[in-house]
Amino acid sequence: MEVLTHRLHQLVDAGNSVIVVEHDMAVVAGADWVIDLGPGGGDRGGRIVAAGPPKDVARAEDSRTAPYLARALGSGVRPTV
């Protein structure tokens, strides 16, 4: 995972835009910007629940991703579910 993350950051540092669809919170925590879709998957999802830097998304009240992202950031922003 470290090699992938390093390569993605190299692409960004070279001026490229990189869009990654990912569920691994270590990768999400390392992003510049996160778009959290939900509130569930499939027919129950599809709207933007939260968007912004990872630390902001980790505080989003309606996000099912937020507690896991907060834990990955080591911030303890929200209690885990």
C-alpha atoms as a PDB file:
ATOM      1  CA  MET A   1       0.000   0.000   0.000  1.00  0.00           C
ATOM      2  CA  GLU A   2       2.885   2.373   0.731  1.00  0.00           C
ATOM      3  CA  VAL A   3       4.221   2.013  -2.803  1.00  0.00           C
ATOM      4  CA  LEU A   4       0.801   2.835  -4.282  1.00  0.00           C
ATOM      5  CA  THR A   5       0.349   5.852  -2.001  1.00  0.00           C
ATOM      6  CA  HIS A   6       3.844   7.105  -2.831  1.00  0.00           C
ATOM      7  CA  ARG A   7       3.189   6.797  -6.579  1.00  0.00           C
ATOM      8  CA  LEU A   8      -0.154   8.602  -6.284  1.00  0.00           C
ATOM      9  CA  HIS A   9       1.510  11.493  -4.443  1.00  0.00           C
ATOM     10  CA  GLN A  10       4.222  11.627  -7.127  1.00  0.00           C
ATOM     11  CA  LEU A  11       1.525  12.050  -9.775  1.00  0.00           C
ATOM     12  CA  VAL A  12      -0.088  14.876  -7.780  1.00  0.00           C
ATOM     13  CA  ASP A  13       3.276  16.534  -7.134  1.00  0.00           C
ATOM     14  CA  ALA A  14       3.876  16.494 -10.903  1.00  0.00           C
ATOM     15  CA  GLY A  15       0.716  18.551 -11.401  1.00  0.00           C
ATOM     16  CA  ASN A  16      -1.738  15.788 -12.226  1.00  0.00           C
ATOM     17  CA  SER A  17      -5.217  15.316 -10.821  1.00  0.00           C
ATOM     18  CA  VAL A  18      -5.774  11.852  -9.370  1.00  0.00           C
ATOM     19  CA  ILE A  19      -9.163  10.377  -8.538  1.00  0.00           C
ATOM     20  CA  VAL A  20      -9.172   7.204  -6.465  1.00  0.00           C
ATOM     21  CA  VAL A  21     -12.216   5.185  -5.408  1.00  0.00           C
ATOM     22  CA  GLU A  22     -11.073   3.526  -2.213  1.00  0.00           C
ATOM     23  CA  HIS A  23     -12.299   2.006   1.041  1.00  0.00           C
ATOM     24  CA  ASP A  24      -8.909   1.650   2.747  1.00  0.00           C
ATOM     25  CA  MET A  25      -8.920   4.404   5.381  1.00  0.00           C
ATOM     26  CA  ALA A  26      -5.124   4.778   5.298  1.00  0.00           C
ATOM     27  CA  VAL A  27      -5.369   5.770   1.635  1.00  0.00           C
ATOM     28  CA  VAL A  28      -8.399   8.005   2.267  1.00  0.00           C
ATOM     29  CA  ALA A  29      -6.630   9.698   5.205  1.00  0.00           C
ATOM     30  CA  GLY A  30      -3.703  10.572   2.904  1.00  0.00           C
ATOM     31  CA  ALA A  31      -5.913  12.300   0.338  1.00  0.00           C
ATOM     32  CA  ASP A  32      -6.082  16.049  -0.220  1.00  0.00           C
ATOM     33  CA  TRP A  33      -9.862  15.955  -0.712  1.00  0.00           C
ATOM     34  CA  VAL A  34     -12.473  13.303   0.103  1.00  0.00           C
ATOM     35  CA  ILE A  35     -15.977  12.904  -1.305  1.00  0.00           C
ATOM     36  CA  ASP A  36     -18.063  10.568   0.849  1.00  0.00           C
ATOM     37  CA  LEU A  37     -21.116   9.159  -0.922  1.00  0.00           C
ATOM     38  CA  GLY A  38     -23.986   7.531   0.878  1.00  0.00           C
ATOM     39  CA  PRO A  39     -25.729   7.128   3.157  1.00  0.00           C
ATOM     40  CA  GLY A  40     -25.586   3.506   2.005  1.00  0.00           C
ATOM     41  CA  GLY A  41     -24.693   1.639  -1.141  1.00  0.00           C
ATOM     42  CA  GLY A  42     -26.677   0.994  -4.309  1.00  0.00           C
ATOM     43  CA  ASP A  43     -30.237   2.303  -4.188  1.00  0.00           C
ATOM     44  CA  ARG A  44     -29.673   3.642  -0.662  1.00  0.00           C
ATOM     45  CA  GLY A  45     -26.723   5.810  -1.692  1.00  0.00           C
ATOM     46  CA  GLY A  46     -25.683   8.252  -4.302  1.00  0.00           C
ATOM     47  CA  ARG A  47     -25.741  11.587  -2.535  1.00  0.00           C
ATOM     48  CA  ILE A  48     -22.750  13.465  -1.182  1.00  0.00           C
ATOM     49  CA  VAL A  49     -22.741  12.993   2.590  1.00  0.00           C
ATOM     50  CA  ALA A  50     -19.522  14.931   3.166  1.00  0.00           C
ATOM     51  CA  ALA A  51     -16.745  16.529   1.140  1.00  0.00           C
ATOM     52  CA  GLY A  52     -13.527  18.260   2.052  1.00  0.00           C
ATOM     53  CA  PRO A  53     -10.153  17.552   3.586  1.00  0.00           C
ATOM     54  CA  PRO A  54     -10.028  14.241   5.477  1.00  0.00           C
ATOM     55  CA  LYS A  55     -10.054  15.939   8.904  1.00  0.00           C
ATOM     56  CA  ASP A  56     -13.324  17.699   8.007  1.00  0.00           C
ATOM     57  CA  VAL A  57     -14.975  14.567   6.619  1.00  0.00           C
ATOM     58  CA  ALA A  58     -13.952  12.748   9.819  1.00  0.00           C
ATOM     59  CA  ARG A  59     -16.266  15.160  11.706  1.00  0.00           C
ATOM     60  CA  ALA A  60     -19.296  14.776   9.400  1.00  0.00           C
ATOM     61  CA  GLU A  61     -22.383  13.873  11.407  1.00  0.00           C
ATOM     62  CA  ASP A  62     -24.211  11.936   8.656  1.00  0.00           C
ATOM     63  CA  SER A  63     -21.179  10.006   7.430  1.00  0.00           C
ATOM     64  CA  ARG A  64     -20.816   6.306   8.130  1.00  0.00           C
ATOM     65  CA  THR A  65     -17.199   6.676   7.013  1.00  0.00           C
ATOM     66  CA  ALA A  66     -16.356   9.431   9.524  1.00  0.00           C
ATOM     67  CA  PRO A  67     -15.592   7.301  12.611  1.00  0.00           C
ATOM     68  CA  TYR A  68     -13.272   5.027  10.634  1.00  0.00           C
ATOM     69  CA  LEU A  69     -11.544   7.966   8.989  1.00  0.00           C
ATOM     70  CA  ALA A  70     -11.145   9.674  12.374  1.00  0.00           C
ATOM     71  CA  ARG A  71      -9.496   6.527  13.716  1.00  0.00           C
ATOM     72  CA  ALA A  72      -7.187   6.345  10.669  1.00  0.00           C
ATOM     73  CA  LEU A  73      -6.224   9.975  11.232  1.00  0.00           C
ATOM     74  CA  GLY A  74      -5.576   9.192  14.887  1.00  0.00           C
ATOM     75  CA  SER A  75      -7.682  12.174  15.787  1.00  0.00           C
ATOM     76  CA  GLY A  76     -10.471  10.641  17.809  1.00  0.00           C
ATOM     77  CA  VAL A  77     -12.738  13.304  16.292  1.00  0.00           C
ATOM     78  CA  ARG A  78     -15.822  11.087  16.708  1.00  0.00           C
ATOM     79  CA  PRO A  79     -16.378   8.014  18.814  1.00  0.00           C
ATOM     80  CA  THR A  80     -16.235   4.799  16.834  1.00  0.00           C
ATOM     81  CA  VAL A  81     -19.452   3.002  15.946  1.00  0.00           C
END
